[in-house]
N, C-alpha and C. Protein backbone atom coordinates (compact mmCIF):
# COMPACT_ATOMS: atom_id res chain seq x y z
N ASN A 1 0.83 -1.20 0.00
CA ASN A 1 0.00 0.00 0.00
C ASN A 1 0.87 1.25 0.00
N CYS A 2 0.26 2.33 -0.41
CA CYS A 2 1.00 3.58 -0.46
C CYS A 2 1.32 4.05 0.96
N ALA A 3 2.60 4.41 1.16
CA ALA A 3 3.03 4.82 2.49
C ALA A 3 2.75 6.29 2.76
N TYR A 4 2.34 7.03 1.75
CA TYR A 4 2.14 8.47 1.90
C TYR A 4 0.68 8.79 1.59
N GLU A 5 -0.09 9.02 2.62
CA GLU A 5 -1.49 9.34 2.43
C GLU A 5 -1.69 10.83 2.68
N GLN A 6 -2.47 11.44 1.85
CA GLN A 6 -2.70 12.88 1.96
C GLN A 6 -3.69 13.15 3.07
N GLY A 7 -3.25 13.85 4.11
CA GLY A 7 -4.10 14.15 5.24
C GLY A 7 -4.24 15.63 5.45
N ASP A 8 -4.54 16.01 6.70
CA ASP A 8 -4.78 17.42 6.98
C ASP A 8 -3.54 18.27 6.75
N SER A 9 -2.35 17.66 6.91
CA SER A 9 -1.13 18.44 6.73
C SER A 9 -0.58 18.32 5.32
N GLY A 10 -1.33 17.70 4.44
CA GLY A 10 -0.83 17.43 3.10
C GLY A 10 -0.99 18.59 2.16
N ALA A 11 -0.76 18.28 0.88
CA ALA A 11 -0.80 19.31 -0.14
C ALA A 11 -2.18 19.91 -0.26
N GLY A 12 -2.22 21.13 -0.77
CA GLY A 12 -3.50 21.79 -0.97
C GLY A 12 -3.82 22.77 0.14
N ASN A 13 -3.07 22.67 1.30
CA ASN A 13 -3.32 23.58 2.41
C ASN A 13 -2.55 24.88 2.29
N ARG A 14 -1.56 24.92 1.37
CA ARG A 14 -0.84 26.15 1.14
C ARG A 14 -0.39 26.18 -0.31
N ASP A 15 -0.23 27.35 -0.84
CA ASP A 15 0.19 27.45 -2.23
C ASP A 15 1.22 28.56 -2.39
N ASP A 16 2.01 28.76 -1.31
CA ASP A 16 3.00 29.84 -1.31
C ASP A 16 4.40 29.27 -1.48
N LEU A 17 4.55 28.33 -2.39
CA LEU A 17 5.81 27.62 -2.59
C LEU A 17 7.01 28.58 -2.53
N SER A 18 7.85 28.38 -1.53
CA SER A 18 9.08 29.17 -1.41
C SER A 18 10.13 28.50 -2.28
N LEU A 19 10.38 29.06 -3.44
CA LEU A 19 11.21 28.38 -4.43
C LEU A 19 12.64 28.08 -3.98
N PRO A 20 13.34 29.04 -3.35
CA PRO A 20 14.70 28.70 -2.91
C PRO A 20 14.73 27.53 -1.93
N VAL A 21 13.84 27.55 -0.94
CA VAL A 21 13.77 26.47 0.03
C VAL A 21 13.36 25.17 -0.65
N SER A 22 12.37 25.25 -1.52
CA SER A 22 11.87 24.05 -2.19
C SER A 22 12.92 23.43 -3.09
N MET A 23 13.75 24.24 -3.73
CA MET A 23 14.81 23.70 -4.56
C MET A 23 15.83 22.95 -3.71
N GLU A 24 16.08 23.45 -2.49
CA GLU A 24 16.99 22.74 -1.59
C GLU A 24 16.40 21.40 -1.17
N VAL A 25 15.11 21.37 -0.88
CA VAL A 25 14.45 20.12 -0.53
C VAL A 25 14.49 19.15 -1.71
N ALA A 26 14.22 19.67 -2.90
CA ALA A 26 14.24 18.83 -4.10
C ALA A 26 15.63 18.24 -4.31
N GLN A 27 16.66 19.03 -4.09
CA GLN A 27 18.02 18.54 -4.26
C GLN A 27 18.35 17.45 -3.26
N ALA A 28 17.85 17.60 -2.03
CA ALA A 28 18.08 16.57 -1.01
C ALA A 28 17.39 15.27 -1.39
N LEU A 29 16.15 15.36 -1.87
CA LEU A 29 15.43 14.17 -2.31
C LEU A 29 16.13 13.53 -3.51
N PHE A 30 16.62 14.36 -4.41
CA PHE A 30 17.29 13.83 -5.60
C PHE A 30 18.57 13.10 -5.21
N ARG A 31 19.30 13.61 -4.23
CA ARG A 31 20.51 12.93 -3.77
C ARG A 31 20.17 11.55 -3.22
N THR A 32 19.04 11.44 -2.54
CA THR A 32 18.59 10.14 -2.05
C THR A 32 18.30 9.20 -3.21
N LEU A 33 17.67 9.73 -4.24
CA LEU A 33 17.37 8.93 -5.42
C LEU A 33 18.65 8.47 -6.10
N VAL A 34 19.65 9.35 -6.18
CA VAL A 34 20.94 8.99 -6.78
C VAL A 34 21.56 7.82 -6.03
N TYR A 35 21.48 7.86 -4.71
CA TYR A 35 22.09 6.81 -3.88
C TYR A 35 21.37 5.47 -4.05
N ARG A 36 20.05 5.51 -4.06
CA ARG A 36 19.28 4.27 -4.08
C ARG A 36 19.06 3.75 -5.50
N ALA A 37 18.81 4.62 -6.44
CA ALA A 37 18.47 4.20 -7.80
C ALA A 37 19.15 5.11 -8.81
N PRO A 38 20.48 4.96 -9.00
CA PRO A 38 21.22 5.87 -9.88
C PRO A 38 20.71 5.89 -11.32
N ASP A 39 20.24 4.76 -11.84
CA ASP A 39 19.71 4.74 -13.20
C ASP A 39 18.48 5.63 -13.32
N VAL A 40 17.60 5.53 -12.33
CA VAL A 40 16.39 6.35 -12.32
C VAL A 40 16.76 7.83 -12.18
N ALA A 41 17.73 8.11 -11.32
CA ALA A 41 18.18 9.49 -11.13
C ALA A 41 18.73 10.07 -12.42
N GLU A 42 19.48 9.28 -13.17
CA GLU A 42 20.01 9.75 -14.45
C GLU A 42 18.89 10.05 -15.43
N HIS A 43 17.86 9.21 -15.43
CA HIS A 43 16.69 9.46 -16.27
C HIS A 43 16.06 10.80 -15.90
N CYS A 44 15.87 11.03 -14.61
CA CYS A 44 15.25 12.28 -14.16
C CYS A 44 16.12 13.48 -14.49
N ARG A 45 17.44 13.33 -14.37
CA ARG A 45 18.34 14.43 -14.69
C ARG A 45 18.25 14.79 -16.17
N ARG A 46 18.24 13.76 -17.02
CA ARG A 46 18.13 14.04 -18.46
C ARG A 46 16.79 14.68 -18.79
N VAL A 47 15.73 14.18 -18.18
CA VAL A 47 14.40 14.75 -18.42
C VAL A 47 14.37 16.22 -18.02
N SER A 48 14.98 16.54 -16.89
CA SER A 48 15.01 17.93 -16.44
C SER A 48 15.77 18.80 -17.44
N ASN A 49 16.89 18.29 -17.95
CA ASN A 49 17.66 19.05 -18.95
C ASN A 49 16.85 19.27 -20.22
N TYR A 50 16.14 18.25 -20.66
CA TYR A 50 15.32 18.38 -21.86
C TYR A 50 14.18 19.37 -21.63
N CYS A 51 13.61 19.36 -20.42
CA CYS A 51 12.54 20.31 -20.11
C CYS A 51 13.04 21.75 -20.25
N GLU A 52 14.24 22.01 -19.74
CA GLU A 52 14.82 23.35 -19.85
C GLU A 52 14.96 23.77 -21.31
N LEU A 53 15.32 22.81 -22.14
CA LEU A 53 15.53 23.09 -23.55
C LEU A 53 14.26 23.62 -24.21
N VAL A 54 13.12 23.07 -23.84
CA VAL A 54 11.86 23.45 -24.46
C VAL A 54 11.17 24.59 -23.72
N ALA A 55 11.34 24.63 -22.40
CA ALA A 55 10.58 25.58 -21.58
C ALA A 55 11.18 26.97 -21.57
N ALA A 56 12.43 27.12 -21.96
CA ALA A 56 13.13 28.39 -21.82
C ALA A 56 12.35 29.58 -22.40
N ASP A 57 11.76 29.40 -23.58
CA ASP A 57 11.05 30.51 -24.21
C ASP A 57 9.53 30.30 -24.22
N ARG A 58 9.05 29.38 -23.38
CA ARG A 58 7.62 29.09 -23.36
C ARG A 58 6.97 29.37 -22.00
N LEU A 59 7.77 29.30 -20.94
CA LEU A 59 7.21 29.42 -19.59
C LEU A 59 7.92 30.51 -18.81
N GLY A 60 7.18 31.09 -17.85
CA GLY A 60 7.78 32.06 -16.95
C GLY A 60 8.72 31.39 -15.96
N GLU A 61 9.49 32.19 -15.24
CA GLU A 61 10.52 31.65 -14.35
C GLU A 61 9.93 30.76 -13.26
N ARG A 62 8.84 31.19 -12.63
CA ARG A 62 8.26 30.41 -11.54
C ARG A 62 7.80 29.04 -12.05
N THR A 63 7.11 29.01 -13.18
CA THR A 63 6.64 27.73 -13.71
C THR A 63 7.81 26.86 -14.12
N ARG A 64 8.86 27.46 -14.66
CA ARG A 64 10.04 26.67 -15.03
C ARG A 64 10.67 26.03 -13.80
N ARG A 65 10.70 26.76 -12.70
CA ARG A 65 11.29 26.19 -11.49
C ARG A 65 10.43 25.07 -10.92
N ILE A 66 9.12 25.25 -10.96
CA ILE A 66 8.23 24.18 -10.50
C ILE A 66 8.40 22.96 -11.40
N LEU A 67 8.49 23.19 -12.70
CA LEU A 67 8.72 22.10 -13.63
C LEU A 67 10.04 21.40 -13.34
N ALA A 68 11.07 22.17 -12.99
CA ALA A 68 12.37 21.57 -12.68
C ALA A 68 12.27 20.64 -11.48
N ILE A 69 11.52 21.04 -10.46
CA ILE A 69 11.33 20.19 -9.28
C ILE A 69 10.64 18.89 -9.67
N VAL A 70 9.54 19.01 -10.41
CA VAL A 70 8.78 17.82 -10.80
C VAL A 70 9.60 16.92 -11.72
N ALA A 71 10.31 17.53 -12.66
CA ALA A 71 11.11 16.73 -13.59
C ALA A 71 12.19 15.94 -12.87
N HIS A 72 12.86 16.56 -11.91
CA HIS A 72 13.91 15.87 -11.16
C HIS A 72 13.36 14.75 -10.27
N LEU A 73 12.10 14.87 -9.87
CA LEU A 73 11.56 13.94 -8.87
C LEU A 73 10.36 13.15 -9.35
N HIS A 74 10.02 13.21 -10.64
CA HIS A 74 8.79 12.56 -11.08
C HIS A 74 8.84 11.04 -10.96
N SER A 75 10.03 10.48 -10.78
CA SER A 75 10.16 9.03 -10.59
C SER A 75 10.73 8.70 -9.22
N ILE A 76 10.52 9.59 -8.24
CA ILE A 76 11.13 9.44 -6.92
C ILE A 76 10.76 8.12 -6.25
N GLU A 77 9.55 7.66 -6.46
CA GLU A 77 9.10 6.46 -5.75
C GLU A 77 9.76 5.19 -6.28
N ARG A 78 10.40 5.27 -7.44
CA ARG A 78 11.08 4.08 -7.97
C ARG A 78 12.17 3.59 -7.02
N MET A 79 12.69 4.47 -6.17
CA MET A 79 13.77 4.06 -5.28
C MET A 79 13.27 3.07 -4.22
N ARG A 80 11.95 2.95 -4.08
CA ARG A 80 11.40 2.01 -3.10
C ARG A 80 11.04 0.67 -3.73
N LEU A 81 11.27 0.52 -5.01
CA LEU A 81 11.02 -0.76 -5.67
C LEU A 81 12.05 -1.79 -5.22
N PRO A 82 11.69 -3.07 -5.18
CA PRO A 82 12.68 -4.11 -4.87
C PRO A 82 13.75 -4.16 -5.95
N ASP A 83 14.95 -4.56 -5.58
CA ASP A 83 16.08 -4.56 -6.52
C ASP A 83 15.80 -5.39 -7.76
N GLU A 84 15.15 -6.53 -7.58
CA GLU A 84 14.92 -7.40 -8.74
C GLU A 84 14.02 -6.76 -9.78
N LEU A 85 13.17 -5.84 -9.34
CA LEU A 85 12.30 -5.13 -10.28
C LEU A 85 12.97 -3.85 -10.77
N LEU A 86 13.66 -3.17 -9.88
CA LEU A 86 14.32 -1.92 -10.22
C LEU A 86 15.38 -2.12 -11.30
N LYS A 87 16.08 -3.27 -11.24
CA LYS A 87 17.20 -3.51 -12.15
C LYS A 87 16.88 -4.53 -13.25
N LYS A 88 15.63 -4.90 -13.36
CA LYS A 88 15.25 -5.90 -14.35
C LYS A 88 15.44 -5.37 -15.77
N THR A 89 16.08 -6.15 -16.61
CA THR A 89 16.33 -5.75 -18.00
C THR A 89 15.36 -6.40 -18.97
N ALA A 90 14.76 -7.52 -18.58
CA ALA A 90 13.79 -8.21 -19.44
C ALA A 90 12.47 -7.42 -19.46
N PRO A 91 11.63 -7.64 -20.46
CA PRO A 91 10.32 -6.96 -20.50
C PRO A 91 9.52 -7.21 -19.24
N LEU A 92 8.80 -6.20 -18.79
CA LEU A 92 8.01 -6.30 -17.57
C LEU A 92 6.69 -7.01 -17.84
N SER A 93 6.25 -7.78 -16.86
CA SER A 93 4.93 -8.40 -16.95
C SER A 93 3.87 -7.37 -16.61
N GLN A 94 2.62 -7.73 -16.86
CA GLN A 94 1.52 -6.81 -16.56
C GLN A 94 1.45 -6.50 -15.07
N SER A 95 1.66 -7.52 -14.23
CA SER A 95 1.61 -7.31 -12.78
C SER A 95 2.76 -6.42 -12.32
N GLU A 96 3.92 -6.57 -12.95
CA GLU A 96 5.07 -5.72 -12.60
C GLU A 96 4.81 -4.28 -13.01
N ARG A 97 4.19 -4.08 -14.18
CA ARG A 97 3.84 -2.73 -14.60
C ARG A 97 2.86 -2.08 -13.62
N GLN A 98 1.92 -2.88 -13.15
CA GLN A 98 0.94 -2.38 -12.19
C GLN A 98 1.61 -2.01 -10.87
N GLN A 99 2.59 -2.82 -10.46
CA GLN A 99 3.32 -2.53 -9.24
C GLN A 99 4.09 -1.22 -9.35
N ILE A 100 4.72 -1.00 -10.50
CA ILE A 100 5.46 0.24 -10.72
C ILE A 100 4.49 1.43 -10.75
N ALA A 101 3.36 1.26 -11.40
CA ALA A 101 2.36 2.34 -11.47
C ALA A 101 1.87 2.72 -10.08
N MET A 102 1.68 1.70 -9.21
CA MET A 102 1.25 1.96 -7.84
C MET A 102 2.31 2.76 -7.09
N HIS A 103 3.58 2.37 -7.26
CA HIS A 103 4.67 3.09 -6.62
C HIS A 103 4.75 4.53 -7.13
N ASP A 104 4.55 4.71 -8.43
CA ASP A 104 4.59 6.06 -9.00
C ASP A 104 3.51 6.95 -8.38
N ARG A 105 2.34 6.39 -8.20
CA ARG A 105 1.25 7.16 -7.61
C ARG A 105 1.60 7.59 -6.19
N CYS A 106 2.24 6.68 -5.45
CA CYS A 106 2.67 7.03 -4.10
C CYS A 106 3.72 8.14 -4.15
N GLY A 107 4.58 8.09 -5.16
CA GLY A 107 5.59 9.14 -5.31
C GLY A 107 4.96 10.49 -5.54
N PHE A 108 3.90 10.53 -6.33
CA PHE A 108 3.20 11.78 -6.56
C PHE A 108 2.61 12.32 -5.26
N GLU A 109 2.07 11.42 -4.43
CA GLU A 109 1.53 11.85 -3.15
C GLU A 109 2.64 12.40 -2.25
N LEU A 110 3.82 11.76 -2.30
CA LEU A 110 4.95 12.24 -1.51
C LEU A 110 5.31 13.68 -1.92
N LEU A 111 5.34 13.95 -3.21
CA LEU A 111 5.68 15.29 -3.67
C LEU A 111 4.62 16.30 -3.27
N ARG A 112 3.37 15.91 -3.34
CA ARG A 112 2.29 16.82 -2.94
C ARG A 112 2.41 17.20 -1.47
N ILE A 113 2.69 16.20 -0.63
CA ILE A 113 2.79 16.44 0.80
C ILE A 113 4.04 17.24 1.12
N THR A 114 5.14 16.92 0.46
CA THR A 114 6.41 17.57 0.75
C THR A 114 6.40 19.05 0.42
N PHE A 115 5.85 19.40 -0.74
CA PHE A 115 5.95 20.79 -1.21
C PHE A 115 4.69 21.61 -0.95
N GLY A 116 3.55 20.97 -0.84
CA GLY A 116 2.34 21.70 -0.50
C GLY A 116 2.05 22.88 -1.41
N CYS A 117 2.26 22.68 -2.71
CA CYS A 117 2.07 23.78 -3.67
C CYS A 117 0.98 23.39 -4.66
N GLN A 118 -0.04 24.21 -4.75
CA GLN A 118 -1.16 23.91 -5.63
C GLN A 118 -0.73 23.79 -7.08
N GLU A 119 0.16 24.68 -7.53
CA GLU A 119 0.62 24.62 -8.92
C GLU A 119 1.39 23.33 -9.20
N LEU A 120 2.20 22.91 -8.23
CA LEU A 120 2.93 21.66 -8.39
C LEU A 120 1.96 20.49 -8.45
N ASP A 121 0.95 20.51 -7.58
CA ASP A 121 -0.08 19.46 -7.60
C ASP A 121 -0.78 19.41 -8.96
N GLN A 122 -1.09 20.59 -9.48
CA GLN A 122 -1.77 20.66 -10.78
C GLN A 122 -0.88 20.10 -11.89
N LEU A 123 0.40 20.43 -11.84
CA LEU A 123 1.33 19.94 -12.86
C LEU A 123 1.40 18.41 -12.82
N LEU A 124 1.50 17.86 -11.61
CA LEU A 124 1.53 16.40 -11.46
C LEU A 124 0.26 15.76 -12.01
N SER A 125 -0.88 16.35 -11.67
CA SER A 125 -2.16 15.81 -12.14
C SER A 125 -2.27 15.86 -13.65
N GLU A 126 -1.82 16.97 -14.24
CA GLU A 126 -1.84 17.09 -15.68
C GLU A 126 -0.86 16.11 -16.33
N PHE A 127 0.28 15.90 -15.69
CA PHE A 127 1.29 14.99 -16.22
C PHE A 127 0.75 13.57 -16.31
N ILE A 128 0.08 13.11 -15.27
CA ILE A 128 -0.47 11.75 -15.30
C ILE A 128 -1.86 11.71 -15.94
N GLN A 129 -2.34 12.90 -16.32
CA GLN A 129 -3.63 13.04 -17.01
C GLN A 129 -4.79 12.49 -16.18
N GLU A 130 -4.73 12.78 -14.89
CA GLU A 130 -5.82 12.45 -13.98
C GLU A 130 -6.07 13.66 -13.09
N ARG A 131 -6.87 14.58 -13.56
CA ARG A 131 -7.09 15.82 -12.83
C ARG A 131 -7.86 15.56 -11.54
N ALA A 132 -7.28 15.99 -10.42
CA ALA A 132 -7.91 15.79 -9.12
C ALA A 132 -9.11 16.72 -8.99
N PRO A 133 -10.27 16.20 -8.58
CA PRO A 133 -11.48 17.02 -8.47
C PRO A 133 -11.32 18.21 -7.53
N ALA A 134 -10.49 18.06 -6.49
CA ALA A 134 -10.34 19.13 -5.49
C ALA A 134 -9.50 20.29 -6.00
N LEU A 135 -8.77 20.07 -7.08
CA LEU A 135 -7.90 21.12 -7.59
C LEU A 135 -8.64 22.00 -8.58
N PRO A 136 -8.44 23.30 -8.49
CA PRO A 136 -9.04 24.19 -9.51
C PRO A 136 -8.36 23.98 -10.86
N LYS A 137 -8.97 24.51 -11.88
CA LYS A 137 -8.42 24.38 -13.23
C LYS A 137 -7.05 25.03 -13.28
N PRO A 138 -6.05 24.33 -13.82
CA PRO A 138 -4.69 24.89 -13.87
C PRO A 138 -4.57 26.01 -14.88
N SER A 139 -3.55 26.82 -14.72
CA SER A 139 -3.26 27.88 -15.68
C SER A 139 -2.73 27.27 -16.97
N LYS A 140 -2.73 28.06 -18.02
CA LYS A 140 -2.22 27.58 -19.31
C LYS A 140 -0.74 27.20 -19.21
N SER A 141 0.02 27.96 -18.40
CA SER A 141 1.45 27.67 -18.29
C SER A 141 1.70 26.34 -17.59
N ILE A 142 0.88 26.00 -16.60
CA ILE A 142 1.03 24.71 -15.91
C ILE A 142 0.67 23.57 -16.87
N VAL A 143 -0.38 23.76 -17.66
CA VAL A 143 -0.76 22.75 -18.65
C VAL A 143 0.37 22.57 -19.66
N GLN A 144 0.95 23.68 -20.09
CA GLN A 144 2.08 23.62 -21.02
C GLN A 144 3.25 22.86 -20.40
N ALA A 145 3.53 23.14 -19.14
CA ALA A 145 4.64 22.48 -18.45
C ALA A 145 4.43 20.97 -18.40
N ALA A 146 3.21 20.54 -18.10
CA ALA A 146 2.92 19.11 -18.05
C ALA A 146 3.07 18.46 -19.42
N LYS A 147 2.66 19.16 -20.46
CA LYS A 147 2.80 18.64 -21.81
C LYS A 147 4.27 18.49 -22.19
N ILE A 148 5.07 19.47 -21.78
CA ILE A 148 6.51 19.39 -22.03
C ILE A 148 7.09 18.16 -21.32
N LEU A 149 6.71 17.98 -20.08
CA LEU A 149 7.23 16.85 -19.30
C LEU A 149 6.84 15.52 -19.93
N ARG A 150 5.62 15.42 -20.44
CA ARG A 150 5.19 14.16 -21.07
C ARG A 150 6.01 13.87 -22.32
N VAL A 151 6.28 14.90 -23.11
CA VAL A 151 7.05 14.71 -24.34
C VAL A 151 8.47 14.24 -24.03
N VAL A 152 9.15 14.96 -23.13
CA VAL A 152 10.55 14.63 -22.88
C VAL A 152 10.70 13.34 -22.09
N ASP A 153 9.75 13.04 -21.22
CA ASP A 153 9.79 11.77 -20.50
C ASP A 153 9.62 10.60 -21.47
N ARG A 154 8.75 10.78 -22.44
CA ARG A 154 8.56 9.76 -23.47
C ARG A 154 9.84 9.57 -24.28
N PHE A 155 10.47 10.67 -24.66
CA PHE A 155 11.70 10.59 -25.44
C PHE A 155 12.79 9.83 -24.69
N ASP A 156 13.02 10.19 -23.43
CA ASP A 156 14.09 9.53 -22.70
C ASP A 156 13.78 8.06 -22.44
N SER A 157 12.51 7.74 -22.27
CA SER A 157 12.13 6.34 -22.09
C SER A 157 12.37 5.53 -23.35
N LEU A 158 12.32 6.20 -24.49
CA LEU A 158 12.59 5.53 -25.76
C LEU A 158 14.08 5.32 -26.00
N THR A 159 14.91 6.16 -25.41
CA THR A 159 16.34 6.13 -25.73
C THR A 159 17.20 5.40 -24.70
N TYR A 160 16.75 5.35 -23.45
CA TYR A 160 17.59 4.74 -22.41
C TYR A 160 16.79 3.74 -21.57
N ARG A 161 17.48 2.70 -21.15
CA ARG A 161 16.97 1.79 -20.12
C ARG A 161 18.17 1.28 -19.34
N HIS A 162 18.19 1.56 -18.05
CA HIS A 162 19.31 1.16 -17.20
C HIS A 162 20.63 1.66 -17.76
N ARG A 163 20.65 2.93 -18.15
CA ARG A 163 21.84 3.61 -18.66
C ARG A 163 22.33 3.06 -20.00
N GLU A 164 21.63 2.14 -20.57
CA GLU A 164 22.03 1.58 -21.85
C GLU A 164 21.13 2.12 -22.95
N ARG A 165 21.73 2.45 -24.07
CA ARG A 165 20.98 2.94 -25.22
C ARG A 165 20.12 1.82 -25.80
N ILE A 166 18.84 2.09 -25.99
CA ILE A 166 17.97 1.11 -26.62
C ILE A 166 17.51 1.59 -28.00
N GLN A 167 17.55 2.91 -28.20
CA GLN A 167 17.29 3.48 -29.52
C GLN A 167 18.13 4.75 -29.66
N SER A 168 18.46 5.08 -30.87
CA SER A 168 19.20 6.32 -31.10
C SER A 168 18.26 7.51 -30.94
N ASP A 169 18.85 8.70 -30.76
CA ASP A 169 18.04 9.91 -30.69
C ASP A 169 17.20 10.05 -31.96
N GLU A 170 17.81 9.78 -33.09
CA GLU A 170 17.11 9.92 -34.36
C GLU A 170 15.89 9.01 -34.43
N GLN A 171 16.05 7.76 -34.00
CA GLN A 171 14.92 6.83 -34.02
C GLN A 171 13.81 7.30 -33.07
N ALA A 172 14.22 7.74 -31.88
CA ALA A 172 13.23 8.20 -30.90
C ALA A 172 12.49 9.44 -31.38
N LEU A 173 13.21 10.35 -32.01
CA LEU A 173 12.56 11.56 -32.53
C LEU A 173 11.58 11.23 -33.64
N GLN A 174 11.88 10.22 -34.43
CA GLN A 174 10.95 9.77 -35.47
C GLN A 174 9.67 9.23 -34.84
N ILE A 175 9.80 8.51 -33.73
CA ILE A 175 8.62 8.00 -33.03
C ILE A 175 7.81 9.15 -32.45
N LEU A 176 8.50 10.13 -31.87
CA LEU A 176 7.78 11.30 -31.34
C LEU A 176 7.01 12.01 -32.45
N ALA A 177 7.61 12.11 -33.63
CA ALA A 177 6.93 12.76 -34.75
C ALA A 177 5.65 12.02 -35.11
N LEU A 178 5.67 10.71 -35.02
CA LEU A 178 4.48 9.92 -35.31
C LEU A 178 3.43 10.08 -34.22
N GLU A 179 3.87 10.26 -32.98
CA GLU A 179 2.94 10.37 -31.85
C GLU A 179 2.43 11.79 -31.65
N ALA A 180 3.09 12.76 -32.27
CA ALA A 180 2.68 14.16 -32.15
C ALA A 180 1.26 14.34 -32.66
N GLY A 181 0.43 14.96 -31.85
CA GLY A 181 -0.97 15.17 -32.23
C GLY A 181 -1.85 13.99 -31.88
N ARG A 182 -1.25 12.90 -31.44
CA ARG A 182 -2.02 11.73 -31.01
C ARG A 182 -1.95 11.62 -29.49
N THR A 183 -0.89 11.00 -29.01
CA THR A 183 -0.71 10.87 -27.56
C THR A 183 0.10 12.01 -26.96
N LEU A 184 0.77 12.78 -27.81
CA LEU A 184 1.60 13.89 -27.34
C LEU A 184 1.15 15.19 -27.99
N ASP A 185 1.36 16.30 -27.30
CA ASP A 185 1.01 17.60 -27.85
C ASP A 185 1.84 17.88 -29.09
N GLU A 186 1.17 18.21 -30.18
CA GLU A 186 1.85 18.35 -31.46
C GLU A 186 2.84 19.51 -31.47
N ALA A 187 2.43 20.66 -30.97
CA ALA A 187 3.30 21.83 -31.01
C ALA A 187 4.55 21.63 -30.16
N ILE A 188 4.37 21.06 -28.98
CA ILE A 188 5.51 20.87 -28.09
C ILE A 188 6.43 19.76 -28.60
N ALA A 189 5.84 18.69 -29.10
CA ALA A 189 6.66 17.62 -29.67
C ALA A 189 7.48 18.14 -30.84
N THR A 190 6.86 18.94 -31.69
CA THR A 190 7.57 19.52 -32.84
C THR A 190 8.69 20.44 -32.38
N ALA A 191 8.41 21.27 -31.36
CA ALA A 191 9.43 22.18 -30.84
C ALA A 191 10.59 21.40 -30.24
N PHE A 192 10.28 20.32 -29.55
CA PHE A 192 11.35 19.51 -28.95
C PHE A 192 12.19 18.84 -30.03
N ILE A 193 11.55 18.32 -31.05
CA ILE A 193 12.27 17.69 -32.15
C ILE A 193 13.22 18.70 -32.80
N GLN A 194 12.72 19.90 -33.04
CA GLN A 194 13.55 20.94 -33.66
C GLN A 194 14.71 21.32 -32.75
N ALA A 195 14.44 21.43 -31.44
CA ALA A 195 15.49 21.80 -30.49
C ALA A 195 16.55 20.71 -30.42
N MET A 196 16.13 19.46 -30.44
CA MET A 196 17.07 18.35 -30.38
C MET A 196 17.91 18.26 -31.65
N ASN A 197 17.32 18.55 -32.76
CA ASN A 197 18.06 18.53 -34.01
C ASN A 197 19.10 19.64 -34.04
N SER A 198 18.82 20.73 -33.32
CA SER A 198 19.77 21.84 -33.26
C SER A 198 20.83 21.63 -32.18
N SER A 199 20.44 20.90 -31.10
CA SER A 199 21.34 20.70 -29.98
C SER A 199 21.22 19.26 -29.48
N PRO A 200 21.72 18.28 -30.25
CA PRO A 200 21.48 16.86 -29.96
C PRO A 200 22.14 16.35 -28.69
N GLN A 201 23.08 17.08 -28.11
CA GLN A 201 23.78 16.59 -26.92
C GLN A 201 23.23 17.17 -25.64
N SER A 202 22.09 17.88 -25.71
CA SER A 202 21.62 18.63 -24.55
C SER A 202 21.26 17.77 -23.37
N GLY A 203 20.87 16.52 -23.58
CA GLY A 203 20.47 15.70 -22.45
C GLY A 203 21.57 14.84 -21.91
N GLU A 204 22.76 14.88 -22.53
CA GLU A 204 23.85 14.00 -22.09
C GLU A 204 24.48 14.51 -20.81
């Protein structure tokens, strides 16, 4: 079961995210992720770098910083997976995928409780495409941030697994082009493809 349940002291009770303090907390959590699950941490680091590449001229500073926190920690709960599942290289079974999904959901709850920021909660909800009824409608910039995160997370999942290349950047970008307008936002996917073609080493 999820170890982090949202209670009276959880997210949604404040929305005054202190960015300098929150970035320090995020860095501390990320260091824990590096220690326990370095492969997952590398994925999150690359995703954060890719987010910066696309968000620089699309989002304001505050939203970019919130996106940076979420990008660095969107897979935080993976560090609690058992080693045999965390390091498995063979294709995952349906039950294993469900187990990972359950852990991911707990990770989202951990972030909500830790940061207590409505915008961060909204970004997480938009990212997993399950809008929480208690949350008000997010701003356009938060929606944009979540779309960026989905695109770059998809790209890195196509290119790396356990620090090993499974597809080239070119192959992954071709897949993104096919998914643009279907499962991924077309404008953001196109912008990311263009940015990667101009700066292919940005996530390394």
